[in-house]
Amino acid sequence: MTTLLLIRHGEVTGINPPTFRGRQDLALTEKGLRQADLTRDFVRQHWSLDKIFCSPLSRCVRTANTLGAPFRLEANPHAGLIDIDYGGWGGMHVADVEQRWPREARLWKVAPHRFRIPGGESIQEVAARTTDALATILESHPQQTVAVVTHDSVIRVLLCHVAGLPLSSYWLFQPSPCGVSVVHVEDGFTMQGVNSTGHLASA
């Protein structure tokens, strides 16, 4: 059996008030660094990591290297795990997008599977590249414990994938910074926990 840990990166600027961060390369805040440290300790208490993969954006690389340190593992950036491309909305406050494009912003919230962000990706495209990345990772590391540090959009589509849910369920999941989801992989997927955050209480 392979154990898969899906972990969102630590806090960055632009989470509150929310912006369409996407592929902006943002550093972890002080709180985000603390969250990464607490998640490192949580992971070390419960698992022994064999490999750690991440999005190539620095907020994920920094979080992944923090998590891997006790196991003498360095992060392995994978292009397929990068955040969604928000196109023309990238870097904008959500409130500004809702004001300028009310119809499109509403469709993104109520039917993301039927909408392509202007100039950006659809979640079908995100799902195609991220599930391909996941399949490659799992095939290469059977019977191991593997962490994947990535973004909330990627974790949403991967959780839909492992749960057998359609992409219309995208907003069902709300990954928190440094939240940990656990999936066991054998003949299929078994979800053991989604977005565990109890270890972050002191952050």
Protein backbone atom coordinates (compact mmCIF):
# COMPACT_ATOMS: atom_id res chain seq x y z
CA MET A 1 0.00 0.00 0.00
CA THR A 2 1.17 3.52 -0.82
CA THR A 3 0.32 6.36 1.55
CA LEU A 4 -0.22 9.71 -0.15
CA LEU A 5 -0.17 12.97 1.82
CA LEU A 6 -1.71 15.92 -0.02
CA ILE A 7 -0.56 19.11 1.68
CA ARG A 8 -1.28 22.72 0.79
CA HIS A 9 1.58 25.20 1.12
CA GLY A 10 1.74 27.60 4.06
CA GLU A 11 0.10 31.00 4.17
CA VAL A 12 1.07 33.69 1.65
CA THR A 13 -0.15 37.23 1.11
CA GLY A 14 -3.34 37.38 -0.92
CA ILE A 15 -5.28 34.70 0.96
CA ASN A 16 -7.18 37.24 3.06
CA PRO A 17 -8.62 39.36 1.52
CA PRO A 18 -8.65 36.80 -1.28
CA THR A 19 -6.93 37.35 -4.60
CA PHE A 20 -6.53 35.14 -7.66
CA ARG A 21 -2.92 34.23 -6.85
CA GLY A 22 -2.42 31.38 -9.29
CA ARG A 23 1.09 31.37 -10.71
CA GLN A 24 2.35 34.44 -8.92
CA ASP A 25 5.51 33.37 -7.12
CA LEU A 26 4.74 34.47 -3.56
CA ALA A 27 6.86 33.90 -0.47
CA LEU A 28 5.49 32.37 2.71
CA THR A 29 4.50 34.86 5.39
CA GLU A 30 5.85 34.54 8.93
CA LYS A 31 2.66 32.67 9.78
CA GLY A 32 3.16 30.45 6.75
CA LEU A 33 6.69 29.59 7.88
CA ARG A 34 5.34 28.68 11.32
CA GLN A 35 2.62 26.54 9.72
CA ALA A 36 5.25 24.68 7.71
CA ASP A 37 7.26 24.01 10.89
CA LEU A 38 4.20 22.68 12.71
CA THR A 39 3.26 20.50 9.75
CA ARG A 40 6.80 19.12 9.63
CA ASP A 41 6.47 18.08 13.27
CA PHE A 42 3.01 16.58 12.66
CA VAL A 43 4.19 14.55 9.67
CA ARG A 44 7.31 13.37 11.50
CA GLN A 45 5.16 12.11 14.41
CA HIS A 46 2.88 10.01 12.18
CA TRP A 47 4.76 8.97 9.04
CA SER A 48 8.18 8.27 7.61
CA LEU A 49 8.40 9.98 4.25
CA ASP A 50 10.13 8.28 1.34
CA LYS A 51 9.69 11.03 -1.24
CA ILE A 52 8.28 14.54 -1.48
CA PHE A 53 7.02 16.28 -4.62
CA CYS A 54 5.74 19.81 -5.03
CA SER A 55 4.65 22.55 -7.36
CA PRO A 56 7.64 24.48 -8.75
CA LEU A 57 6.40 27.75 -7.16
CA SER A 58 8.56 28.85 -4.25
CA ARG A 59 5.80 28.76 -1.62
CA CYS A 60 5.44 25.03 -2.25
CA VAL A 61 9.16 24.35 -2.57
CA ARG A 62 9.83 26.10 0.76
CA THR A 63 7.03 24.20 2.51
CA ALA A 64 8.15 20.89 0.99
CA ASN A 65 11.80 21.38 1.97
CA THR A 66 10.71 22.14 5.53
CA LEU A 67 8.63 18.94 5.65
CA GLY A 68 11.41 16.86 4.13
CA ALA A 69 14.22 18.05 6.41
CA PRO A 70 13.75 15.43 9.20
CA PHE A 71 13.89 12.68 6.55
CA ARG A 72 16.86 14.21 4.68
CA LEU A 73 14.65 14.67 1.65
CA GLU A 74 14.75 17.57 -0.77
CA ALA A 75 11.66 18.72 -2.63
CA ASN A 76 11.15 17.41 -6.16
CA PRO A 77 9.35 20.12 -8.15
CA HIS A 78 6.92 18.76 -10.76
CA ALA A 79 5.48 21.07 -13.42
CA GLY A 80 2.21 19.14 -13.45
CA LEU A 81 1.51 20.24 -9.87
CA ILE A 82 1.64 24.00 -10.52
CA ASP A 83 -1.34 26.17 -9.59
CA ILE A 84 -4.19 26.91 -11.98
CA ASP A 85 -3.53 29.63 -14.56
CA TYR A 86 -5.98 32.41 -13.72
CA GLY A 87 -5.26 34.23 -16.97
CA GLY A 88 -6.61 37.77 -16.99
CA TRP A 89 -7.77 37.44 -13.40
CA GLY A 90 -4.30 36.65 -12.07
CA GLY A 91 -3.27 38.98 -9.26
CA MET A 92 -6.70 40.61 -8.98
CA HIS A 93 -8.75 40.79 -5.80
CA VAL A 94 -11.75 38.49 -5.92
CA ALA A 95 -14.03 41.42 -5.03
CA ASP A 96 -12.75 43.40 -8.04
CA VAL A 97 -13.36 40.47 -10.39
CA GLU A 98 -16.87 40.05 -9.01
CA GLN A 99 -17.55 43.73 -9.68
CA ARG A 100 -16.11 43.83 -13.19
CA TRP A 101 -17.29 40.40 -14.41
CA PRO A 102 -20.29 39.51 -12.24
CA ARG A 103 -21.71 36.85 -14.57
CA GLU A 104 -18.37 35.11 -15.10
CA ALA A 105 -17.45 35.31 -11.43
CA ARG A 106 -20.77 33.75 -10.45
CA LEU A 107 -20.36 30.96 -12.99
CA TRP A 108 -16.90 30.23 -11.59
CA LYS A 109 -18.43 29.79 -8.14
CA VAL A 110 -21.54 27.80 -9.03
CA ALA A 111 -20.42 25.75 -12.06
CA PRO A 112 -16.61 25.78 -12.32
CA HIS A 113 -16.70 22.67 -14.53
CA ARG A 114 -18.58 24.67 -17.17
CA PHE A 115 -16.30 27.70 -17.19
CA ARG A 116 -12.88 28.68 -18.50
CA ILE A 117 -11.22 31.63 -16.81
CA PRO A 118 -10.57 34.28 -19.52
CA GLY A 119 -7.09 33.69 -20.87
CA GLY A 120 -6.49 30.91 -18.34
CA GLU A 121 -7.18 27.25 -17.70
CA SER A 122 -10.31 25.23 -17.24
CA ILE A 123 -10.42 22.88 -14.28
CA GLN A 124 -10.63 20.01 -16.77
CA GLU A 125 -7.16 21.02 -17.98
CA VAL A 126 -5.94 21.29 -14.40
CA ALA A 127 -7.35 17.85 -13.65
CA ALA A 128 -5.75 16.30 -16.74
CA ARG A 129 -2.23 17.46 -15.93
CA THR A 130 -2.43 16.91 -12.18
CA THR A 131 -3.90 13.42 -12.35
CA ASP A 132 -1.22 12.51 -14.92
CA ALA A 133 1.41 13.82 -12.52
CA LEU A 134 -0.12 11.86 -9.65
CA ALA A 135 -0.25 8.65 -11.67
CA THR A 136 3.44 8.99 -12.58
CA ILE A 137 4.38 9.64 -8.94
CA LEU A 138 2.38 6.70 -7.61
CA GLU A 139 3.68 4.30 -10.28
CA SER A 140 7.25 5.25 -9.40
CA HIS A 141 6.86 4.85 -5.64
CA PRO A 142 4.75 1.77 -4.81
CA GLN A 143 4.51 0.70 -1.19
CA GLN A 144 5.99 4.00 -0.02
CA THR A 145 4.85 7.14 1.79
CA VAL A 146 4.83 10.11 -0.55
CA ALA A 147 3.97 13.75 0.18
CA VAL A 148 2.69 16.13 -2.49
CA VAL A 149 2.83 19.82 -1.58
CA THR A 150 0.76 21.95 -3.88
CA HIS A 151 -2.06 24.50 -4.19
CA ASP A 152 -5.70 24.56 -3.15
CA SER A 153 -6.93 24.30 -6.76
CA VAL A 154 -4.76 21.25 -7.41
CA ILE A 155 -5.77 19.58 -4.16
CA ARG A 156 -9.45 20.16 -4.96
CA VAL A 157 -9.24 18.40 -8.31
CA LEU A 158 -7.10 15.59 -6.90
CA LEU A 159 -9.55 15.00 -4.05
CA CYS A 160 -12.39 14.88 -6.58
CA HIS A 161 -10.31 12.34 -8.52
CA VAL A 162 -9.51 10.03 -5.61
CA ALA A 163 -13.07 10.27 -4.24
CA GLY A 164 -14.59 9.46 -7.64
CA LEU A 165 -16.48 12.75 -7.70
CA PRO A 166 -17.20 14.88 -10.76
CA LEU A 167 -15.41 18.21 -11.16
CA SER A 168 -18.70 19.94 -10.37
CA SER A 169 -17.76 19.04 -6.76
CA TYR A 170 -14.67 21.29 -6.96
CA TRP A 171 -15.88 23.69 -4.25
CA LEU A 172 -16.84 20.84 -1.90
CA PHE A 173 -13.25 20.85 -0.65
CA GLN A 174 -11.66 23.86 1.05
CA PRO A 175 -7.96 23.08 1.60
CA SER A 176 -6.44 25.25 4.31
CA PRO A 177 -2.82 26.45 4.32
CA CYS A 178 -0.77 23.43 5.48
CA GLY A 179 -3.90 21.30 5.77
CA VAL A 180 -3.10 17.60 5.36
CA SER A 181 -5.23 15.07 3.47
CA VAL A 182 -4.33 11.37 3.63
CA VAL A 183 -5.06 8.82 0.91
CA HIS A 184 -4.19 5.12 0.92
CA VAL A 185 -3.52 3.68 -2.51
CA GLU A 186 -3.73 -0.04 -3.22
CA ASP A 187 -6.15 -1.43 -5.79
CA GLY A 188 -7.95 1.89 -5.57
CA PHE A 189 -8.04 4.97 -3.39
CA THR A 190 -9.19 5.13 0.23
CA MET A 191 -9.49 8.56 1.83
CA GLN A 192 -8.30 8.47 5.44
CA GLY A 193 -8.57 12.16 6.26
CA VAL A 194 -9.30 15.45 4.51
CA ASN A 195 -7.73 18.79 5.39
CA SER A 196 -6.52 17.98 8.90
CA THR A 197 -5.50 21.23 10.60
CA GLY A 198 -5.45 20.41 14.31
CA HIS A 199 -1.66 20.52 14.32
CA LEU A 200 -1.78 24.22 13.39
CA ALA A 201 -3.57 25.44 16.52
CA SER A 202 -0.53 27.33 17.81
CA ALA A 203 0.20 29.04 14.49
